[in-house]
Amino acid sequence: MVGFLTQDGAVSGIKVRTRNAVEDIAAKAVILASGGFEADPLMRAEYLGPHWEQVVVRGTRFNTGET
């Protein structure tokens, strides 16, 4: 994603870079999210593979994958 589309002050889609061009994608809703699950050793092992639960992770202890 390279930007947001707006109409009358509201977000109406996103602008993305593809292999050949920059394209606009209109949407009824856009969800912006951040964070992750790197602070949860069990989720790291489940989604990244064996032994990832033992990795020392730098960053916040609050990124536990909760919704």
PDB file of N, CA and C in Angstrom:
ATOM      1  N   MET A   1       0.841  -1.161   0.000  1.00  0.00           N
ATOM      2  CA  MET A   1       0.000   0.000   0.000  1.00  0.00           C
ATOM      3  C   MET A   1       0.893   1.232   0.000  1.00  0.00           C
ATOM      4  N   VAL A   2       0.534   2.185  -0.825  1.00  0.00           N
ATOM      5  CA  VAL A   2       1.313   3.426  -0.875  1.00  0.00           C
ATOM      6  C   VAL A   2       0.503   4.637  -0.441  1.00  0.00           C
ATOM      7  N   GLY A   3      -0.796   4.470  -0.229  1.00  0.00           N
ATOM      8  CA  GLY A   3      -1.599   5.605   0.206  1.00  0.00           C
ATOM      9  C   GLY A   3      -3.074   5.264   0.325  1.00  0.00           C
ATOM     10  N   PHE A   4      -3.809   6.240   0.826  1.00  0.00           N
ATOM     11  CA  PHE A   4      -5.247   6.105   0.976  1.00  0.00           C
ATOM     12  C   PHE A   4      -5.957   6.930  -0.080  1.00  0.00           C
ATOM     13  N   LEU A   5      -7.128   6.456  -0.499  1.00  0.00           N
ATOM     14  CA  LEU A   5      -8.017   7.249  -1.338  1.00  0.00           C
ATOM     15  C   LEU A   5      -9.018   7.908  -0.408  1.00  0.00           C
ATOM     16  N   THR A   6      -9.346   9.151  -0.658  1.00  0.00           N
ATOM     17  CA  THR A   6     -10.330   9.837   0.177  1.00  0.00           C
ATOM     18  C   THR A   6     -11.392  10.484  -0.695  1.00  0.00           C
ATOM     19  N   GLN A   7     -12.562  10.612  -0.112  1.00  0.00           N
ATOM     20  CA  GLN A   7     -13.670  11.276  -0.779  1.00  0.00           C
ATOM     21  C   GLN A   7     -14.465  12.001   0.293  1.00  0.00           C
ATOM     22  N   ASP A   8     -14.619  13.277   0.152  1.00  0.00           N
ATOM     23  CA  ASP A   8     -15.344  14.105   1.119  1.00  0.00           C
ATOM     24  C   ASP A   8     -14.785  13.943   2.534  1.00  0.00           C
ATOM     25  N   GLY A   9     -13.464  13.814   2.642  1.00  0.00           N
ATOM     26  CA  GLY A   9     -12.815  13.707   3.945  1.00  0.00           C
ATOM     27  C   GLY A   9     -12.821  12.332   4.573  1.00  0.00           C
ATOM     28  N   ALA A  10     -13.375  11.336   3.893  1.00  0.00           N
ATOM     29  CA  ALA A  10     -13.426   9.975   4.426  1.00  0.00           C
ATOM     30  C   ALA A  10     -12.559   9.049   3.570  1.00  0.00           C
ATOM     31  N   VAL A  11     -12.010   8.021   4.172  1.00  0.00           N
ATOM     32  CA  VAL A  11     -11.213   7.042   3.428  1.00  0.00           C
ATOM     33  C   VAL A  11     -12.157   6.213   2.571  1.00  0.00           C
ATOM     34  N   SER A  12     -11.856   6.120   1.280  1.00  0.00           N
ATOM     35  CA  SER A  12     -12.723   5.402   0.353  1.00  0.00           C
ATOM     36  C   SER A  12     -11.997   4.275  -0.385  1.00  0.00           C
ATOM     37  N   GLY A  13     -10.753   3.995   0.003  1.00  0.00           N
ATOM     38  CA  GLY A  13      -9.999   2.926  -0.638  1.00  0.00           C
ATOM     39  C   GLY A  13      -8.523   3.102  -0.392  1.00  0.00           C
ATOM     40  N   ILE A  14      -7.727   2.328  -1.132  1.00  0.00           N
ATOM     41  CA  ILE A  14      -6.274   2.396  -1.002  1.00  0.00           C
ATOM     42  C   ILE A  14      -5.607   2.497  -2.370  1.00  0.00           C
ATOM     43  N   LYS A  15      -4.396   2.982  -2.350  1.00  0.00           N
ATOM     44  CA  LYS A  15      -3.556   3.071  -3.543  1.00  0.00           C
ATOM     45  C   LYS A  15      -2.429   2.066  -3.343  1.00  0.00           C
ATOM     46  N   VAL A  16      -2.245   1.156  -4.298  1.00  0.00           N
ATOM     47  CA  VAL A  16      -1.227   0.107  -4.182  1.00  0.00           C
ATOM     48  C   VAL A  16      -0.273   0.139  -5.360  1.00  0.00           C
ATOM     49  N   ARG A  17       0.947  -0.313  -5.105  1.00  0.00           N
ATOM     50  CA  ARG A  17       1.936  -0.426  -6.170  1.00  0.00           C
ATOM     51  C   ARG A  17       1.978  -1.881  -6.613  1.00  0.00           C
ATOM     52  N   THR A  18       1.720  -2.116  -7.889  1.00  0.00           N
ATOM     53  CA  THR A  18       1.820  -3.457  -8.455  1.00  0.00           C
ATOM     54  C   THR A  18       3.146  -3.544  -9.203  1.00  0.00           C
ATOM     55  N   ARG A  19       3.369  -4.655  -9.842  1.00  0.00           N
ATOM     56  CA  ARG A  19       4.611  -4.823 -10.584  1.00  0.00           C
ATOM     57  C   ARG A  19       4.741  -3.799 -11.713  1.00  0.00           C
ATOM     58  N   ASN A  20       3.599  -3.404 -12.303  1.00  0.00           N
ATOM     59  CA  ASN A  20       3.639  -2.546 -13.490  1.00  0.00           C
ATOM     60  C   ASN A  20       3.165  -1.122 -13.282  1.00  0.00           C
ATOM     61  N   ALA A  21       2.470  -0.844 -12.185  1.00  0.00           N
ATOM     62  CA  ALA A  21       1.862   0.484 -12.046  1.00  0.00           C
ATOM     63  C   ALA A  21       1.417   0.724 -10.604  1.00  0.00           C
ATOM     64  N   VAL A  22       0.915   1.904 -10.376  1.00  0.00           N
ATOM     65  CA  VAL A  22       0.230   2.222  -9.126  1.00  0.00           C
ATOM     66  C   VAL A  22      -1.258   2.220  -9.434  1.00  0.00           C
ATOM     67  N   GLU A  23      -2.031   1.467  -8.644  1.00  0.00           N
ATOM     68  CA  GLU A  23      -3.456   1.317  -8.915  1.00  0.00           C
ATOM     69  C   GLU A  23      -4.284   1.743  -7.719  1.00  0.00           C
ATOM     70  N   ASP A  24      -5.493   2.206  -7.980  1.00  0.00           N
ATOM     71  CA  ASP A  24      -6.449   2.565  -6.941  1.00  0.00           C
ATOM     72  C   ASP A  24      -7.423   1.414  -6.740  1.00  0.00           C
ATOM     73  N   ILE A  25      -7.714   1.097  -5.487  1.00  0.00           N
ATOM     74  CA  ILE A  25      -8.702   0.071  -5.152  1.00  0.00           C
ATOM     75  C   ILE A  25      -9.742   0.718  -4.248  1.00  0.00           C
ATOM     76  N   ALA A  26     -10.941   0.898  -4.772  1.00  0.00           N
ATOM     77  CA  ALA A  26     -12.029   1.482  -3.995  1.00  0.00           C
ATOM     78  C   ALA A  26     -12.566   0.433  -3.031  1.00  0.00           C
ATOM     79  N   ALA A  27     -13.037   0.891  -1.855  1.00  0.00           N
ATOM     80  CA  ALA A  27     -13.563  -0.038  -0.859  1.00  0.00           C
ATOM     81  C   ALA A  27     -14.639   0.641  -0.021  1.00  0.00           C
ATOM     82  N   LYS A  28     -15.571  -0.146   0.469  1.00  0.00           N
ATOM     83  CA  LYS A  28     -16.586   0.378   1.385  1.00  0.00           C
ATOM     84  C   LYS A  28     -15.982   0.618   2.763  1.00  0.00           C
ATOM     85  N   ALA A  29     -14.944  -0.155   3.105  1.00  0.00           N
ATOM     86  CA  ALA A  29     -14.282  -0.009   4.404  1.00  0.00           C
ATOM     87  C   ALA A  29     -12.807  -0.342   4.237  1.00  0.00           C
ATOM     88  N   VAL A  30     -11.973   0.313   5.024  1.00  0.00           N
ATOM     89  CA  VAL A  30     -10.535   0.048   5.052  1.00  0.00           C
ATOM     90  C   VAL A  30     -10.155  -0.139   6.513  1.00  0.00           C
ATOM     91  N   ILE A  31      -9.463  -1.233   6.805  1.00  0.00           N
ATOM     92  CA  ILE A  31      -9.019  -1.506   8.169  1.00  0.00           C
ATOM     93  C   ILE A  31      -7.510  -1.340   8.223  1.00  0.00           C
ATOM     94  N   LEU A  32      -7.054  -0.503   9.124  1.00  0.00           N
ATOM     95  CA  LEU A  32      -5.631  -0.283   9.327  1.00  0.00           C
ATOM     96  C   LEU A  32      -5.264  -0.949  10.642  1.00  0.00           C
ATOM     97  N   ALA A  33      -4.343  -1.895  10.601  1.00  0.00           N
ATOM     98  CA  ALA A  33      -3.980  -2.629  11.815  1.00  0.00           C
ATOM     99  C   ALA A  33      -2.465  -2.719  11.933  1.00  0.00           C
ATOM    100  N   SER A  34      -2.009  -2.861  13.144  1.00  0.00           N
ATOM    101  CA  SER A  34      -0.580  -3.054  13.381  1.00  0.00           C
ATOM    102  C   SER A  34      -0.422  -3.980  14.575  1.00  0.00           C
ATOM    103  N   GLY A  35       0.799  -4.357  14.834  1.00  0.00           N
ATOM    104  CA  GLY A  35       1.054  -5.262  15.945  1.00  0.00           C
ATOM    105  C   GLY A  35       1.359  -6.649  15.434  1.00  0.00           C
ATOM    106  N   GLY A  36       1.389  -7.588  16.317  1.00  0.00           N
ATOM    107  CA  GLY A  36       1.719  -8.945  15.923  1.00  0.00           C
ATOM    108  C   GLY A  36       1.599  -9.882  17.103  1.00  0.00           C
ATOM    109  N   PHE A  37       2.288 -11.009  17.003  1.00  0.00           N
ATOM    110  CA  PHE A  37       2.218 -12.010  18.055  1.00  0.00           C
ATOM    111  C   PHE A  37       3.602 -12.390  18.553  1.00  0.00           C
ATOM    112  N   GLU A  38       4.609 -11.573  18.266  1.00  0.00           N
ATOM    113  CA  GLU A  38       5.985 -11.953  18.595  1.00  0.00           C
ATOM    114  C   GLU A  38       6.253 -12.110  20.086  1.00  0.00           C
ATOM    115  N   ALA A  39       5.406 -11.558  20.957  1.00  0.00           N
ATOM    116  CA  ALA A  39       5.610 -11.699  22.399  1.00  0.00           C
ATOM    117  C   ALA A  39       4.993 -12.989  22.949  1.00  0.00           C
ATOM    118  N   ASP A  40       4.330 -13.768  22.127  1.00  0.00           N
ATOM    119  CA  ASP A  40       3.701 -15.016  22.575  1.00  0.00           C
ATOM    120  C   ASP A  40       4.505 -16.211  22.042  1.00  0.00           C
ATOM    121  N   PRO A  41       5.277 -16.867  22.910  1.00  0.00           N
ATOM    122  CA  PRO A  41       6.130 -17.970  22.449  1.00  0.00           C
ATOM    123  C   PRO A  41       5.357 -19.119  21.802  1.00  0.00           C
ATOM    124  N   LEU A  42       4.164 -19.424  22.310  1.00  0.00           N
ATOM    125  CA  LEU A  42       3.392 -20.527  21.731  1.00  0.00           C
ATOM    126  C   LEU A  42       2.901 -20.197  20.326  1.00  0.00           C
ATOM    127  N   MET A  43       2.483 -18.947  20.105  1.00  0.00           N
ATOM    128  CA  MET A  43       2.046 -18.561  18.760  1.00  0.00           C
ATOM    129  C   MET A  43       3.224 -18.539  17.792  1.00  0.00           C
ATOM    130  N   ARG A  44       4.393 -18.102  18.258  1.00  0.00           N
ATOM    131  CA  ARG A  44       5.577 -18.124  17.379  1.00  0.00           C
ATOM    132  C   ARG A  44       5.871 -19.553  16.949  1.00  0.00           C
ATOM    133  N   ALA A  45       5.828 -20.496  17.879  1.00  0.00           N
ATOM    134  CA  ALA A  45       6.100 -21.896  17.538  1.00  0.00           C
ATOM    135  C   ALA A  45       5.048 -22.443  16.578  1.00  0.00           C
ATOM    136  N   GLU A  46       3.788 -22.082  16.808  1.00  0.00           N
ATOM    137  CA  GLU A  46       2.708 -22.589  15.959  1.00  0.00           C
ATOM    138  C   GLU A  46       2.801 -22.069  14.531  1.00  0.00           C
ATOM    139  N   TYR A  47       3.050 -20.757  14.382  1.00  0.00           N
ATOM    140  CA  TYR A  47       3.001 -20.145  13.053  1.00  0.00           C
ATOM    141  C   TYR A  47       4.361 -20.030  12.363  1.00  0.00           C
ATOM    142  N   LEU A  48       5.449 -20.023  13.127  1.00  0.00           N
ATOM    143  CA  LEU A  48       6.776 -19.866  12.525  1.00  0.00           C
ATOM    144  C   LEU A  48       7.575 -21.161  12.517  1.00  0.00           C
ATOM    145  N   GLY A  49       7.212 -22.101  13.391  1.00  0.00           N
ATOM    146  CA  GLY A  49       7.865 -23.394  13.364  1.00  0.00           C
ATOM    147  C   GLY A  49       8.560 -23.747  14.667  1.00  0.00           C
ATOM    148  N   PRO A  50       9.085 -24.967  14.713  1.00  0.00           N
ATOM    149  CA  PRO A  50       9.742 -25.462  15.914  1.00  0.00           C
ATOM    150  C   PRO A  50      10.889 -24.551  16.364  1.00  0.00           C
ATOM    151  N   HIS A  51      11.047 -24.461  17.645  1.00  0.00           N
ATOM    152  CA  HIS A  51      12.133 -23.718  18.302  1.00  0.00           C
ATOM    153  C   HIS A  51      11.945 -22.206  18.305  1.00  0.00           C
ATOM    154  N   TRP A  52      10.924 -21.690  17.644  1.00  0.00           N
ATOM    155  CA  TRP A  52      10.701 -20.244  17.679  1.00  0.00           C
ATOM    156  C   TRP A  52      10.217 -19.788  19.056  1.00  0.00           C
ATOM    157  N   GLU A  53       9.705 -20.709  19.867  1.00  0.00           N
ATOM    158  CA  GLU A  53       9.292 -20.323  21.212  1.00  0.00           C
ATOM    159  C   GLU A  53      10.492 -19.984  22.091  1.00  0.00           C
ATOM    160  N   GLN A  54      11.684 -20.390  21.679  1.00  0.00           N
ATOM    161  CA  GLN A  54      12.892 -20.155  22.467  1.00  0.00           C
ATOM    162  C   GLN A  54      13.631 -18.881  22.063  1.00  0.00           C
ATOM    163  N   VAL A  55      13.232 -18.260  20.993  1.00  0.00           N
ATOM    164  CA  VAL A  55      13.925 -17.074  20.481  1.00  0.00           C
ATOM    165  C   VAL A  55      13.717 -15.893  21.423  1.00  0.00           C
ATOM    166  N   VAL A  56      14.796 -15.166  21.680  1.00  0.00           N
ATOM    167  CA  VAL A  56      14.690 -13.939  22.471  1.00  0.00           C
ATOM    168  C   VAL A  56      14.208 -12.838  21.539  1.00  0.00           C
ATOM    169  N   VAL A  57      13.083 -12.241  21.883  1.00  0.00           N
ATOM    170  CA  VAL A  57      12.452 -11.249  21.019  1.00  0.00           C
ATOM    171  C   VAL A  57      12.650  -9.862  21.607  1.00  0.00           C
ATOM    172  N   ARG A  58      13.050  -8.932  20.771  1.00  0.00           N
ATOM    173  CA  ARG A  58      13.156  -7.535  21.193  1.00  0.00           C
ATOM    174  C   ARG A  58      11.858  -6.836  20.824  1.00  0.00           C
ATOM    175  N   GLY A  59      11.473  -5.880  21.613  1.00  0.00           N
ATOM    176  CA  GLY A  59      10.244  -5.157  21.314  1.00  0.00           C
ATOM    177  C   GLY A  59       9.309  -5.197  22.513  1.00  0.00           C
ATOM    178  N   THR A  60       8.061  -4.939  22.246  1.00  0.00           N
ATOM    179  CA  THR A  60       7.085  -4.825  23.322  1.00  0.00           C
ATOM    180  C   THR A  60       6.539  -6.176  23.766  1.00  0.00           C
ATOM    181  N   ARG A  61       6.258  -6.295  25.042  1.00  0.00           N
ATOM    182  CA  ARG A  61       5.673  -7.532  25.569  1.00  0.00           C
ATOM    183  C   ARG A  61       4.165  -7.597  25.313  1.00  0.00           C
ATOM    184  N   PHE A  62       3.608  -6.527  24.768  1.00  0.00           N
ATOM    185  CA  PHE A  62       2.161  -6.451  24.568  1.00  0.00           C
ATOM    186  C   PHE A  62       1.688  -7.025  23.232  1.00  0.00           C
ATOM    187  N   ASN A  63       2.580  -7.348  22.309  1.00  0.00           N
ATOM    188  CA  ASN A  63       2.179  -7.930  21.024  1.00  0.00           C
ATOM    189  C   ASN A  63       1.973  -9.428  21.191  1.00  0.00           C
ATOM    190  N   THR A  64       0.804  -9.797  21.678  1.00  0.00           N
ATOM    191  CA  THR A  64       0.518 -11.192  22.004  1.00  0.00           C
ATOM    192  C   THR A  64      -0.492 -11.841  21.059  1.00  0.00           C
ATOM    193  N   GLY A  65      -0.886 -11.142  20.009  1.00  0.00           N
ATOM    194  CA  GLY A  65      -1.796 -11.711  19.021  1.00  0.00           C
ATOM    195  C   GLY A  65      -3.253 -11.677  19.411  1.00  0.00           C
ATOM    196  N   GLU A  66      -3.572 -11.017  20.507  1.00  0.00           N
ATOM    197  CA  GLU A  66      -4.974 -10.929  20.922  1.00  0.00           C
ATOM    198  C   GLU A  66      -5.713  -9.967  19.992  1.00  0.00           C
ATOM    199  N   THR A  67      -6.998 -10.227  19.793  1.00  0.00           N
ATOM    200  CA  THR A  67      -7.789  -9.337  18.940  1.00  0.00           C
ATOM    201  C   THR A  67      -8.564  -8.349  19.750  1.00  0.00           C
TER     202      THR A  67
END
